[in-house]
C-alpha atoms as a PDB file:
ATOM      1  CA  UNK A   1      63.320 -15.423  -7.592  1.00  0.00           C
ATOM      2  CA  UNK A   2      60.708 -15.703  -9.941  1.00  0.00           C
ATOM      3  CA  UNK A   3      58.148 -12.872  -8.627  1.00  0.00           C
ATOM      4  CA  UNK A   4      61.547 -10.883  -7.659  1.00  0.00           C
ATOM      5  CA  UNK A   5      62.476 -11.023 -11.188  1.00  0.00           C
ATOM      6  CA  UNK A   6      59.270 -10.327 -12.608  1.00  0.00           C
ATOM      7  CA  UNK A   7      59.036  -7.165 -10.812  1.00  0.00           C
ATOM      8  CA  UNK A   8      62.241  -6.063 -11.783  1.00  0.00           C
ATOM      9  CA  UNK A   9      61.328  -6.807 -15.608  1.00  0.00           C
ATOM     10  CA  UNK A  10      57.896  -4.817 -14.717  1.00  0.00           C
ATOM     11  CA  UNK A  11      60.542  -1.765 -13.589  1.00  0.00           C
ATOM     12  CA  UNK A  12      62.767  -1.663 -16.732  1.00  0.00           C
ATOM     13  CA  UNK A  13      59.515  -2.578 -18.943  1.00  0.00           C
ATOM     14  CA  UNK A  14      57.907   1.366 -17.181  1.00  0.00           C
ATOM     15  CA  UNK A  15      61.251   2.624 -18.305  1.00  0.00           C
ATOM     16  CA  UNK A  16      61.333   1.236 -22.286  1.00  0.00           C
ATOM     17  CA  UNK A  17      57.841   2.318 -22.796  1.00  0.00           C
ATOM     18  CA  UNK A  18      58.890   5.735 -21.532  1.00  0.00           C
ATOM     19  CA  UNK A  19      61.628   6.197 -23.678  1.00  0.00           C
ATOM     20  CA  UNK A  20      63.820   6.277 -20.492  1.00  0.00           C
ATOM     21  CA  UNK A  21      66.375   3.656 -21.945  1.00  0.00           C
ATOM     22  CA  UNK A  22      66.448   1.918 -25.018  1.00  0.00           C
ATOM     23  CA  UNK A  23      64.494  -1.586 -25.818  1.00  0.00           C
ATOM     24  CA  UNK A  24      68.008  -3.057 -26.669  1.00  0.00           C
ATOM     25  CA  UNK A  25      69.654  -2.221 -23.003  1.00  0.00           C
ATOM     26  CA  UNK A  26      66.267  -3.764 -21.171  1.00  0.00           C
ATOM     27  CA  UNK A  27      68.220  -7.251 -20.324  1.00  0.00           C
ATOM     28  CA  UNK A  28      70.928  -5.898 -18.958  1.00  0.00           C
ATOM     29  CA  UNK A  29      68.860  -3.404 -16.403  1.00  0.00           C
ATOM     30  CA  UNK A  30      67.316  -6.314 -15.253  1.00  0.00           C
ATOM     31  CA  UNK A  31      70.316  -8.534 -14.667  1.00  0.00           C
ATOM     32  CA  UNK A  32      71.986  -5.181 -12.827  1.00  0.00           C
ATOM     33  CA  UNK A  33      68.895  -4.808 -10.627  1.00  0.00           C
ATOM     34  CA  UNK A  34      68.891  -8.161  -9.623  1.00  0.00           C
ATOM     35  CA  UNK A  35      72.591  -8.891  -9.470  1.00  0.00           C
ATOM     36  CA  UNK A  36      72.545  -5.224  -6.697  1.00  0.00           C
ATOM     37  CA  UNK A  37      71.404  -5.406  -2.880  1.00  0.00           C
ATOM     38  CA  UNK A  38      68.074  -4.365  -1.323  1.00  0.00           C
ATOM     39  CA  UNK A  39      70.009  -0.918  -0.755  1.00  0.00           C
ATOM     40  CA  UNK A  40      71.302  -0.581  -4.594  1.00  0.00           C
ATOM     41  CA  UNK A  41      68.243  -1.409  -5.951  1.00  0.00           C
ATOM     42  CA  UNK A  42      66.356   1.410  -4.368  1.00  0.00           C
ATOM     43  CA  UNK A  43      69.146   3.522  -6.067  1.00  0.00           C
ATOM     44  CA  UNK A  44      68.948   2.168  -9.187  1.00  0.00           C
ATOM     45  CA  UNK A  45      64.975   2.449  -9.676  1.00  0.00           C
ATOM     46  CA  UNK A  46      65.400   6.189  -8.093  1.00  0.00           C
ATOM     47  CA  UNK A  47      67.590   6.333 -10.738  1.00  0.00           C
ATOM     48  CA  UNK A  48      65.524   5.118 -13.816  1.00  0.00           C
ATOM     49  CA  UNK A  49      62.734   7.100 -12.060  1.00  0.00           C
ATOM     50  CA  UNK A  50      64.507  10.881 -12.862  1.00  0.00           C
ATOM     51  CA  UNK A  51      65.741   9.842 -16.348  1.00  0.00           C
ATOM     52  CA  UNK A  52      63.845  12.474 -18.572  1.00  0.00           C
ATOM     53  CA  UNK A  53      60.521  10.389 -20.604  1.00  0.00           C
ATOM     54  CA  UNK A  54      60.935  10.527 -24.111  1.00  0.00           C
ATOM     55  CA  UNK A  55      57.441  13.075 -24.363  1.00  0.00           C
ATOM     56  CA  UNK A  56      57.205  12.514 -28.187  1.00  0.00           C
ATOM     57  CA  UNK A  57      56.317   8.854 -27.722  1.00  0.00           C
ATOM     58  CA  UNK A  58      52.552   8.554 -28.054  1.00  0.00           C
ATOM     59  CA  UNK A  59      52.480  10.922 -30.992  1.00  0.00           C
ATOM     60  CA  UNK A  60      51.643  11.005 -34.336  1.00  0.00           C
ATOM     61  CA  UNK A  61      54.368  10.720 -36.729  1.00  0.00           C
ATOM     62  CA  UNK A  62      53.701  13.225 -39.656  1.00  0.00           C
ATOM     63  CA  UNK A  63      51.190  15.480 -40.083  1.00  0.00           C
ATOM     64  CA  UNK A  64      50.496  17.872 -37.648  1.00  0.00           C
ATOM     65  CA  UNK A  65      51.758  15.247 -34.478  1.00  0.00           C
ATOM     66  CA  UNK A  66      48.327  14.464 -33.198  1.00  0.00           C
ATOM     67  CA  UNK A  67      48.867  12.767 -29.718  1.00  0.00           C
ATOM     68  CA  UNK A  68      47.093   9.655 -29.931  1.00  0.00           C
ATOM     69  CA  UNK A  69      45.747   7.492 -26.898  1.00  0.00           C
ATOM     70  CA  UNK A  70      48.692   6.868 -24.606  1.00  0.00           C
ATOM     71  CA  UNK A  71      49.374   3.187 -22.949  1.00  0.00           C
ATOM     72  CA  UNK A  72      48.147   2.174 -19.789  1.00  0.00           C
ATOM     73  CA  UNK A  73      51.704   1.466 -18.612  1.00  0.00           C
ATOM     74  CA  UNK A  74      53.251   4.470 -19.611  1.00  0.00           C
ATOM     75  CA  UNK A  75      50.328   6.310 -17.924  1.00  0.00           C
ATOM     76  CA  UNK A  76      51.299   4.296 -14.863  1.00  0.00           C
ATOM     77  CA  UNK A  77      55.365   4.968 -15.848  1.00  0.00           C
ATOM     78  CA  UNK A  78      54.956   8.459 -15.037  1.00  0.00           C
ATOM     79  CA  UNK A  79      53.276   8.413 -12.178  1.00  0.00           C
ATOM     80  CA  UNK A  80      55.378   6.381 -10.761  1.00  0.00           C
ATOM     81  CA  UNK A  81      58.036   8.788 -11.125  1.00  0.00           C
ATOM     82  CA  UNK A  82      56.195  11.427  -9.809  1.00  0.00           C
ATOM     83  CA  UNK A  83      55.372   9.485  -6.572  1.00  0.00           C
ATOM     84  CA  UNK A  84      58.773   9.060  -5.988  1.00  0.00           C
ATOM     85  CA  UNK A  85      59.867  12.582  -7.166  1.00  0.00           C
ATOM     86  CA  UNK A  86      57.183  13.949  -4.517  1.00  0.00           C
ATOM     87  CA  UNK A  87      58.689  11.403  -1.604  1.00  0.00           C
ATOM     88  CA  UNK A  88      62.273  12.528  -2.662  1.00  0.00           C
ATOM     89  CA  UNK A  89      61.187  16.137  -2.447  1.00  0.00           C
ATOM     90  CA  UNK A  90      59.626  15.134   1.244  1.00  0.00           C
ATOM     91  CA  UNK A  91      63.098  13.541   1.981  1.00  0.00           C
ATOM     92  CA  UNK A  92      61.858  10.343   1.342  1.00  0.00           C
ATOM     93  CA  UNK A  93      62.938   6.708  -0.247  1.00  0.00           C
ATOM     94  CA  UNK A  94      60.070   5.113  -2.327  1.00  0.00           C
ATOM     95  CA  UNK A  95      60.753   2.015  -3.742  1.00  0.00           C
ATOM     96  CA  UNK A  96      59.707   1.973  -7.795  1.00  0.00           C
ATOM     97  CA  UNK A  97      57.565  -1.396  -6.361  1.00  0.00           C
ATOM     98  CA  UNK A  98      56.120  -0.354  -3.600  1.00  0.00           C
ATOM     99  CA  UNK A  99      54.993   3.613  -5.547  1.00  0.00           C
ATOM    100  CA  UNK A 100      53.896   1.118  -8.483  1.00  0.00           C
ATOM    101  CA  UNK A 101      51.642  -0.908  -5.375  1.00  0.00           C
ATOM    102  CA  UNK A 102      50.437   1.793  -4.247  1.00  0.00           C
ATOM    103  CA  UNK A 103      49.037   3.510  -7.148  1.00  0.00           C
ATOM    104  CA  UNK A 104      47.836   0.204  -8.829  1.00  0.00           C
ATOM    105  CA  UNK A 105      45.338   0.125  -5.550  1.00  0.00           C
ATOM    106  CA  UNK A 106      44.592   3.629  -5.331  1.00  0.00           C
ATOM    107  CA  UNK A 107      43.198   3.582  -9.057  1.00  0.00           C
ATOM    108  CA  UNK A 108      41.410   0.283  -9.728  1.00  0.00           C
ATOM    109  CA  UNK A 109      40.542   1.631 -13.189  1.00  0.00           C
ATOM    110  CA  UNK A 110      44.329   2.156 -14.218  1.00  0.00           C
ATOM    111  CA  UNK A 111      45.521  -1.640 -12.523  1.00  0.00           C
ATOM    112  CA  UNK A 112      42.389  -3.350 -15.271  1.00  0.00           C
ATOM    113  CA  UNK A 113      44.163  -1.880 -18.269  1.00  0.00           C
ATOM    114  CA  UNK A 114      47.608  -1.978 -16.903  1.00  0.00           C
ATOM    115  CA  UNK A 115      45.986  -5.879 -16.441  1.00  0.00           C
ATOM    116  CA  UNK A 116      45.026  -6.181 -19.850  1.00  0.00           C
ATOM    117  CA  UNK A 117      47.553  -4.500 -21.892  1.00  0.00           C
ATOM    118  CA  UNK A 118      50.444  -6.954 -19.863  1.00  0.00           C
ATOM    119  CA  UNK A 119      47.973 -10.348 -21.231  1.00  0.00           C
ATOM    120  CA  UNK A 120      48.039  -8.557 -24.594  1.00  0.00           C
ATOM    121  CA  UNK A 121      51.609  -9.135 -25.235  1.00  0.00           C
END
């Protein structure tokens, strides 16, 4: 159960980081995922992935709004969302957790950056 909860927290945390949901709603989304059946969880994950990303996150406020470096978690989330949308366009269902694992396996440099960010939290 601990691993399942950990996976759900990561899914929701990535949506918070991307600005798709408010941080105040994080616990509620995790509770909904944990209380749902496996099929419902996949649908909820797809729903979260389809929410628009706040493109203004990671930009410096004031001045000319110059972009600052994007954190690895946000980069991973964008890639996961793109992967889920690509699978959906092909008529396939891809769970957020599986897409995340696939990307981290294919991109060890990104995986290392994500791991370092998680350790800093």
